[in-house]
Amino acid sequence: MGVSSLAGGHKTLVPQLIEELARLGRPDILVVAGGVIPRQDYAALHEAGCLEVFGPGTVIPQAAERILQKLQGAAPAAS
């Protein structure tokens, strides 16, 4: 799930979203955040369970590649 934050609510809203997904029994839904997020906030978002954080100046193809790499690492092994 992607969260775009332009209003500075990312440190509150992203952790709440991750907690709510877990409460609903869906911790398998991974969360990424982007927008006007200061670099000093990245660690707190990662600690809350955010898979990736993309701030100002993010190159979209590189972001997509990082997300795909993380998703491939999170996917269960094929049988």
PDB file of N, CA and C in Angstrom:
ATOM      1  N   MET A   1       0.861  -1.160   0.000  1.00  0.00           N
ATOM      2  CA  MET A   1       0.000   0.000   0.000  1.00  0.00           C
ATOM      3  C   MET A   1       0.907   1.222   0.000  1.00  0.00           C
ATOM      4  N   GLY A   2       0.602   2.156  -0.829  1.00  0.00           N
ATOM      5  CA  GLY A   2       1.371   3.387  -0.888  1.00  0.00           C
ATOM      6  C   GLY A   2       0.677   4.518  -0.158  1.00  0.00           C
ATOM      7  N   VAL A   3       1.456   5.279   0.601  1.00  0.00           N
ATOM      8  CA  VAL A   3       0.942   6.432   1.330  1.00  0.00           C
ATOM      9  C   VAL A   3       1.718   7.657   0.868  1.00  0.00           C
ATOM     10  N   SER A   4       1.010   8.660   0.393  1.00  0.00           N
ATOM     11  CA  SER A   4       1.644   9.899  -0.013  1.00  0.00           C
ATOM     12  C   SER A   4       1.339  10.964   1.019  1.00  0.00           C
ATOM     13  N   SER A   5       2.386  11.577   1.542  1.00  0.00           N
ATOM     14  CA  SER A   5       2.195  12.574   2.585  1.00  0.00           C
ATOM     15  C   SER A   5       2.776  13.910   2.147  1.00  0.00           C
ATOM     16  N   LEU A   6       1.913  14.878   2.048  1.00  0.00           N
ATOM     17  CA  LEU A   6       2.357  16.225   1.714  1.00  0.00           C
ATOM     18  C   LEU A   6       2.063  17.205   2.848  1.00  0.00           C
ATOM     19  N   ALA A   7       1.389  16.729   3.882  1.00  0.00           N
ATOM     20  CA  ALA A   7       0.941  17.630   4.938  1.00  0.00           C
ATOM     21  C   ALA A   7       1.664  17.407   6.272  1.00  0.00           C
ATOM     22  N   GLY A   8       2.687  16.548   6.284  1.00  0.00           N
ATOM     23  CA  GLY A   8       3.446  16.349   7.509  1.00  0.00           C
ATOM     24  C   GLY A   8       2.829  15.364   8.494  1.00  0.00           C
ATOM     25  N   GLY A   9       1.819  14.618   8.073  1.00  0.00           N
ATOM     26  CA  GLY A   9       1.180  13.667   8.976  1.00  0.00           C
ATOM     27  C   GLY A   9       1.783  12.283   8.938  1.00  0.00           C
ATOM     28  N   HIS A  10       2.861  12.105   8.210  1.00  0.00           N
ATOM     29  CA  HIS A  10       3.424  10.776   7.988  1.00  0.00           C
ATOM     30  C   HIS A  10       3.855  10.064   9.266  1.00  0.00           C
ATOM     31  N   LYS A  11       4.381  10.794  10.253  1.00  0.00           N
ATOM     32  CA  LYS A  11       4.860  10.143  11.478  1.00  0.00           C
ATOM     33  C   LYS A  11       3.711   9.636  12.340  1.00  0.00           C
ATOM     34  N   THR A  12       2.523  10.130  12.116  1.00  0.00           N
ATOM     35  CA  THR A  12       1.342   9.664  12.836  1.00  0.00           C
ATOM     36  C   THR A  12       0.542   8.678  11.990  1.00  0.00           C
ATOM     37  N   LEU A  13       0.274   9.059  10.750  1.00  0.00           N
ATOM     38  CA  LEU A  13      -0.630   8.273   9.908  1.00  0.00           C
ATOM     39  C   LEU A  13      -0.050   6.933   9.454  1.00  0.00           C
ATOM     40  N   VAL A  14       1.215   6.909   9.070  1.00  0.00           N
ATOM     41  CA  VAL A  14       1.806   5.653   8.587  1.00  0.00           C
ATOM     42  C   VAL A  14       1.842   4.601   9.694  1.00  0.00           C
ATOM     43  N   PRO A  15       2.345   4.911  10.899  1.00  0.00           N
ATOM     44  CA  PRO A  15       2.296   3.905  11.969  1.00  0.00           C
ATOM     45  C   PRO A  15       0.871   3.459  12.312  1.00  0.00           C
ATOM     46  N   GLN A  16      -0.086   4.394  12.295  1.00  0.00           N
ATOM     47  CA  GLN A  16      -1.479   4.025  12.568  1.00  0.00           C
ATOM     48  C   GLN A  16      -2.012   3.078  11.502  1.00  0.00           C
ATOM     49  N   LEU A  17      -1.683   3.332  10.247  1.00  0.00           N
ATOM     50  CA  LEU A  17      -2.110   2.456   9.159  1.00  0.00           C
ATOM     51  C   LEU A  17      -1.538   1.057   9.334  1.00  0.00           C
ATOM     52  N   ILE A  18      -0.253   0.970   9.641  1.00  0.00           N
ATOM     53  CA  ILE A  18       0.399  -0.333   9.822  1.00  0.00           C
ATOM     54  C   ILE A  18      -0.224  -1.076  10.999  1.00  0.00           C
ATOM     55  N   GLU A  19      -0.493  -0.371  12.083  1.00  0.00           N
ATOM     56  CA  GLU A  19      -1.140  -0.991  13.250  1.00  0.00           C
ATOM     57  C   GLU A  19      -2.537  -1.486  12.896  1.00  0.00           C
ATOM     58  N   GLU A  20      -3.278  -0.704  12.153  1.00  0.00           N
ATOM     59  CA  GLU A  20      -4.644  -1.096  11.781  1.00  0.00           C
ATOM     60  C   GLU A  20      -4.628  -2.309  10.849  1.00  0.00           C
ATOM     61  N   LEU A  21      -3.693  -2.350   9.915  1.00  0.00           N
ATOM     62  CA  LEU A  21      -3.582  -3.527   9.045  1.00  0.00           C
ATOM     63  C   LEU A  21      -3.299  -4.776   9.879  1.00  0.00           C
ATOM     64  N   ALA A  22      -2.412  -4.657  10.849  1.00  0.00           N
ATOM     65  CA  ALA A  22      -2.109  -5.795  11.723  1.00  0.00           C
ATOM     66  C   ALA A  22      -3.344  -6.194  12.531  1.00  0.00           C
ATOM     67  N   ARG A  23      -4.063  -5.198  13.052  1.00  0.00           N
ATOM     68  CA  ARG A  23      -5.272  -5.475  13.838  1.00  0.00           C
ATOM     69  C   ARG A  23      -6.312  -6.211  13.000  1.00  0.00           C
ATOM     70  N   LEU A  24      -6.364  -5.899  11.720  1.00  0.00           N
ATOM     71  CA  LEU A  24      -7.312  -6.544  10.817  1.00  0.00           C
ATOM     72  C   LEU A  24      -6.813  -7.892  10.309  1.00  0.00           C
ATOM     73  N   GLY A  25      -5.664  -8.322  10.825  1.00  0.00           N
ATOM     74  CA  GLY A  25      -5.116  -9.607  10.410  1.00  0.00           C
ATOM     75  C   GLY A  25      -4.428  -9.555   9.063  1.00  0.00           C
ATOM     76  N   ARG A  26      -3.986  -8.390   8.641  1.00  0.00           N
ATOM     77  CA  ARG A  26      -3.345  -8.225   7.335  1.00  0.00           C
ATOM     78  C   ARG A  26      -1.942  -7.633   7.432  1.00  0.00           C
ATOM     79  N   PRO A  27      -1.087  -8.195   8.276  1.00  0.00           N
ATOM     80  CA  PRO A  27       0.288  -7.690   8.336  1.00  0.00           C
ATOM     81  C   PRO A  27       1.069  -8.010   7.061  1.00  0.00           C
ATOM     82  N   ASP A  28       0.456  -8.827   6.186  1.00  0.00           N
ATOM     83  CA  ASP A  28       1.084  -9.167   4.910  1.00  0.00           C
ATOM     84  C   ASP A  28       1.002  -8.025   3.899  1.00  0.00           C
ATOM     85  N   ILE A  29       0.176  -7.030   4.172  1.00  0.00           N
ATOM     86  CA  ILE A  29       0.087  -5.876   3.285  1.00  0.00           C
ATOM     87  C   ILE A  29       1.232  -4.931   3.647  1.00  0.00           C
ATOM     88  N   LEU A  30       2.164  -4.797   2.724  1.00  0.00           N
ATOM     89  CA  LEU A  30       3.343  -3.976   2.964  1.00  0.00           C
ATOM     90  C   LEU A  30       3.029  -2.518   2.643  1.00  0.00           C
ATOM     91  N   VAL A  31       3.671  -1.617   3.378  1.00  0.00           N
ATOM     92  CA  VAL A  31       3.397  -0.186   3.248  1.00  0.00           C
ATOM     93  C   VAL A  31       4.663   0.543   2.825  1.00  0.00           C
ATOM     94  N   VAL A  32       4.538   1.419   1.830  1.00  0.00           N
ATOM     95  CA  VAL A  32       5.604   2.335   1.441  1.00  0.00           C
ATOM     96  C   VAL A  32       5.065   3.752   1.566  1.00  0.00           C
ATOM     97  N   ALA A  33       5.956   4.692   1.825  1.00  0.00           N
ATOM     98  CA  ALA A  33       5.542   6.085   1.986  1.00  0.00           C
ATOM     99  C   ALA A  33       6.373   6.983   1.086  1.00  0.00           C
ATOM    100  N   GLY A  34       5.749   8.046   0.644  1.00  0.00           N
ATOM    101  CA  GLY A  34       6.457   9.015  -0.169  1.00  0.00           C
ATOM    102  C   GLY A  34       5.860  10.387   0.002  1.00  0.00           C
ATOM    103  N   GLY A  35       6.569  11.352  -0.498  1.00  0.00           N
ATOM    104  CA  GLY A  35       6.091  12.724  -0.422  1.00  0.00           C
ATOM    105  C   GLY A  35       7.131  13.628   0.193  1.00  0.00           C
ATOM    106  N   VAL A  36       6.668  14.678   0.811  1.00  0.00           N
ATOM    107  CA  VAL A  36       7.570  15.641   1.440  1.00  0.00           C
ATOM    108  C   VAL A  36       7.882  15.137   2.849  1.00  0.00           C
ATOM    109  N   ILE A  37       8.766  14.141   2.893  1.00  0.00           N
ATOM    110  CA  ILE A  37       9.137  13.501   4.156  1.00  0.00           C
ATOM    111  C   ILE A  37      10.609  13.795   4.409  1.00  0.00           C
ATOM    112  N   PRO A  38      10.920  14.496   5.494  1.00  0.00           N
ATOM    113  CA  PRO A  38      12.319  14.800   5.793  1.00  0.00           C
ATOM    114  C   PRO A  38      13.120  13.522   6.075  1.00  0.00           C
ATOM    115  N   ARG A  39      14.344  13.496   5.608  1.00  0.00           N
ATOM    116  CA  ARG A  39      15.202  12.330   5.785  1.00  0.00           C
ATOM    117  C   ARG A  39      15.304  11.914   7.255  1.00  0.00           C
ATOM    118  N   GLN A  40      15.268  12.866   8.170  1.00  0.00           N
ATOM    119  CA  GLN A  40      15.395  12.521   9.594  1.00  0.00           C
ATOM    120  C   GLN A  40      14.193  11.728  10.107  1.00  0.00           C
ATOM    121  N   ASP A  41      13.115  11.666   9.344  1.00  0.00           N
ATOM    122  CA  ASP A  41      11.937  10.899   9.750  1.00  0.00           C
ATOM    123  C   ASP A  41      11.941   9.468   9.203  1.00  0.00           C
ATOM    124  N   TYR A  42      12.848   9.162   8.302  1.00  0.00           N
ATOM    125  CA  TYR A  42      12.863   7.846   7.657  1.00  0.00           C
ATOM    126  C   TYR A  42      13.004   6.715   8.671  1.00  0.00           C
ATOM    127  N   ALA A  43      13.937   6.859   9.610  1.00  0.00           N
ATOM    128  CA  ALA A  43      14.196   5.788  10.581  1.00  0.00           C
ATOM    129  C   ALA A  43      12.948   5.472  11.397  1.00  0.00           C
ATOM    130  N   ALA A  44      12.229   6.493  11.834  1.00  0.00           N
ATOM    131  CA  ALA A  44      11.015   6.261  12.631  1.00  0.00           C
ATOM    132  C   ALA A  44       9.971   5.505  11.814  1.00  0.00           C
ATOM    133  N   LEU A  45       9.851   5.836  10.532  1.00  0.00           N
ATOM    134  CA  LEU A  45       8.885   5.142   9.684  1.00  0.00           C
ATOM    135  C   LEU A  45       9.297   3.695   9.452  1.00  0.00           C
ATOM    136  N   HIS A  46      10.589   3.466   9.243  1.00  0.00           N
ATOM    137  CA  HIS A  46      11.074   2.090   9.087  1.00  0.00           C
ATOM    138  C   HIS A  46      10.827   1.284  10.368  1.00  0.00           C
ATOM    139  N   GLU A  47      11.098   1.897  11.514  1.00  0.00           N
ATOM    140  CA  GLU A  47      10.880   1.220  12.800  1.00  0.00           C
ATOM    141  C   GLU A  47       9.405   0.886  13.007  1.00  0.00           C
ATOM    142  N   ALA A  48       8.521   1.696  12.461  1.00  0.00           N
ATOM    143  CA  ALA A  48       7.082   1.451  12.580  1.00  0.00           C
ATOM    144  C   ALA A  48       6.620   0.342  11.641  1.00  0.00           C
ATOM    145  N   GLY A  49       7.507  -0.065  10.706  1.00  0.00           N
ATOM    146  CA  GLY A  49       7.152  -1.151   9.797  1.00  0.00           C
ATOM    147  C   GLY A  49       7.001  -0.741   8.348  1.00  0.00           C
ATOM    148  N   CYS A  50       7.305   0.506   8.030  1.00  0.00           N
ATOM    149  CA  CYS A  50       7.217   0.982   6.658  1.00  0.00           C
ATOM    150  C   CYS A  50       8.353   0.352   5.842  1.00  0.00           C
ATOM    151  N   LEU A  51       8.006  -0.276   4.739  1.00  0.00           N
ATOM    152  CA  LEU A  51       8.979  -1.000   3.923  1.00  0.00           C
ATOM    153  C   LEU A  51      10.002  -0.063   3.295  1.00  0.00           C
ATOM    154  N   GLU A  52       9.546   1.012   2.695  1.00  0.00           N
ATOM    155  CA  GLU A  52      10.419   1.989   2.028  1.00  0.00           C
ATOM    156  C   GLU A  52       9.844   3.382   2.212  1.00  0.00           C
ATOM    157  N   VAL A  53      10.738   4.368   2.165  1.00  0.00           N
ATOM    158  CA  VAL A  53      10.334   5.769   2.246  1.00  0.00           C
ATOM    159  C   VAL A  53      10.992   6.497   1.078  1.00  0.00           C
ATOM    160  N   PHE A  54      10.195   7.250   0.344  1.00  0.00           N
ATOM    161  CA  PHE A  54      10.675   7.983  -0.817  1.00  0.00           C
ATOM    162  C   PHE A  54      10.376   9.462  -0.631  1.00  0.00           C
ATOM    163  N   GLY A  55      11.425  10.228  -0.502  1.00  0.00           N
ATOM    164  CA  GLY A  55      11.274  11.658  -0.276  1.00  0.00           C
ATOM    165  C   GLY A  55      11.411  12.464  -1.548  1.00  0.00           C
ATOM    166  N   PRO A  56      11.542  13.777  -1.383  1.00  0.00           N
ATOM    167  CA  PRO A  56      11.680  14.666  -2.528  1.00  0.00           C
ATOM    168  C   PRO A  56      12.863  14.259  -3.413  1.00  0.00           C
ATOM    169  N   GLY A  57      12.661  14.351  -4.708  1.00  0.00           N
ATOM    170  CA  GLY A  57      13.729  14.031  -5.645  1.00  0.00           C
ATOM    171  C   GLY A  57      13.836  12.562  -6.011  1.00  0.00           C
ATOM    172  N   THR A  58      12.918  11.755  -5.517  1.00  0.00           N
ATOM    173  CA  THR A  58      12.950  10.327  -5.829  1.00  0.00           C
ATOM    174  C   THR A  58      12.784  10.119  -7.329  1.00  0.00           C
ATOM    175  N   VAL A  59      13.630   9.259  -7.884  1.00  0.00           N
ATOM    176  CA  VAL A  59      13.526   8.886  -9.289  1.00  0.00           C
ATOM    177  C   VAL A  59      12.575   7.687  -9.350  1.00  0.00           C
ATOM    178  N   ILE A  60      11.442   7.862 -10.010  1.00  0.00           N
ATOM    179  CA  ILE A  60      10.366   6.868  -9.993  1.00  0.00           C
ATOM    180  C   ILE A  60      10.820   5.474 -10.434  1.00  0.00           C
ATOM    181  N   PRO A  61      11.542   5.311 -11.549  1.00  0.00           N
ATOM    182  CA  PRO A  61      11.968   3.959 -11.935  1.00  0.00           C
ATOM    183  C   PRO A  61      12.863   3.293 -10.875  1.00  0.00           C
ATOM    184  N   GLN A  62      13.702   4.081 -10.219  1.00  0.00           N
ATOM    185  CA  GLN A  62      14.552   3.519  -9.158  1.00  0.00           C
ATOM    186  C   GLN A  62      13.705   3.119  -7.950  1.00  0.00           C
ATOM    187  N   ALA A  63      12.709   3.918  -7.625  1.00  0.00           N
ATOM    188  CA  ALA A  63      11.811   3.583  -6.514  1.00  0.00           C
ATOM    189  C   ALA A  63      11.058   2.295  -6.818  1.00  0.00           C
ATOM    190  N   ALA A  64      10.558   2.184  -8.047  1.00  0.00           N
ATOM    191  CA  ALA A  64       9.828   0.976  -8.444  1.00  0.00           C
ATOM    192  C   ALA A  64      10.728  -0.249  -8.344  1.00  0.00           C
ATOM    193  N   GLU A  65      11.972  -0.114  -8.760  1.00  0.00           N
ATOM    194  CA  GLU A  65      12.906  -1.241  -8.687  1.00  0.00           C
ATOM    195  C   GLU A  65      13.165  -1.642  -7.239  1.00  0.00           C
ATOM    196  N   ARG A  66      13.343  -0.661  -6.357  1.00  0.00           N
ATOM    197  CA  ARG A  66      13.557  -0.970  -4.937  1.00  0.00           C
ATOM    198  C   ARG A  66      12.348  -1.691  -4.343  1.00  0.00           C
ATOM    199  N   ILE A  67      11.154  -1.229  -4.694  1.00  0.00           N
ATOM    200  CA  ILE A  67       9.943  -1.878  -4.183  1.00  0.00           C
ATOM    201  C   ILE A  67       9.855  -3.313  -4.687  1.00  0.00           C
ATOM    202  N   LEU A  68      10.100  -3.522  -5.967  1.00  0.00           N
ATOM    203  CA  LEU A  68      10.056  -4.879  -6.528  1.00  0.00           C
ATOM    204  C   LEU A  68      11.077  -5.792  -5.858  1.00  0.00           C
ATOM    205  N   GLN A  69      12.273  -5.285  -5.617  1.00  0.00           N
ATOM    206  CA  GLN A  69      13.292  -6.091  -4.937  1.00  0.00           C
ATOM    207  C   GLN A  69      12.831  -6.480  -3.539  1.00  0.00           C
ATOM    208  N   LYS A  70      12.241  -5.546  -2.819  1.00  0.00           N
ATOM    209  CA  LYS A  70      11.747  -5.842  -1.465  1.00  0.00           C
ATOM    210  C   LYS A  70      10.596  -6.849  -1.520  1.00  0.00           C
ATOM    211  N   LEU A  71       9.704  -6.676  -2.484  1.00  0.00           N
ATOM    212  CA  LEU A  71       8.571  -7.603  -2.603  1.00  0.00           C
ATOM    213  C   LEU A  71       9.051  -9.008  -2.942  1.00  0.00           C
ATOM    214  N   GLN A  72      10.042  -9.115  -3.794  1.00  0.00           N
ATOM    215  CA  GLN A  72      10.583 -10.432  -4.141  1.00  0.00           C
ATOM    216  C   GLN A  72      11.231 -11.076  -2.924  1.00  0.00           C
ATOM    217  N   GLY A  73      11.870 -10.275  -2.089  1.00  0.00           N
ATOM    218  CA  GLY A  73      12.474 -10.790  -0.863  1.00  0.00           C
ATOM    219  C   GLY A  73      11.441 -11.185   0.175  1.00  0.00           C
ATOM    220  N   ALA A  74      10.255 -10.576   0.115  1.00  0.00           N
ATOM    221  CA  ALA A  74       9.193 -10.852   1.090  1.00  0.00           C
ATOM    222  C   ALA A  74       8.285 -12.000   0.632  1.00  0.00           C
ATOM    223  N   ALA A  75       8.380 -12.360  -0.643  1.00  0.00           N
ATOM    224  CA  ALA A  75       7.487 -13.391  -1.181  1.00  0.00           C
ATOM    225  C   ALA A  75       7.899 -14.770  -0.664  1.00  0.00           C
ATOM    226  N   PRO A  76       6.914 -15.620  -0.361  1.00  0.00           N
ATOM    227  CA  PRO A  76       7.242 -16.989   0.069  1.00  0.00           C
ATOM    228  C   PRO A  76       7.864 -17.764  -1.085  1.00  0.00           C
ATOM    229  N   ALA A  77       8.701 -18.709  -0.747  1.00  0.00           N
ATOM    230  CA  ALA A  77       9.369 -19.520  -1.761  1.00  0.00           C
ATOM    231  C   ALA A  77       8.332 -20.311  -2.548  1.00  0.00           C
ATOM    232  N   ALA A  78       8.535 -20.369  -3.863  1.00  0.00           N
ATOM    233  CA  ALA A  78       7.622 -21.145  -4.731  1.00  0.00           C
ATOM    234  C   ALA A  78       7.855 -22.627  -4.514  1.00  0.00           C
ATOM    235  N   SER A  79       6.776 -23.395  -4.590  1.00  0.00           N
ATOM    236  CA  SER A  79       6.931 -24.855  -4.398  1.00  0.00           C
ATOM    237  C   SER A  79       6.874 -25.599  -5.693  1.00  0.00           C
TER     238      SER A  79
END
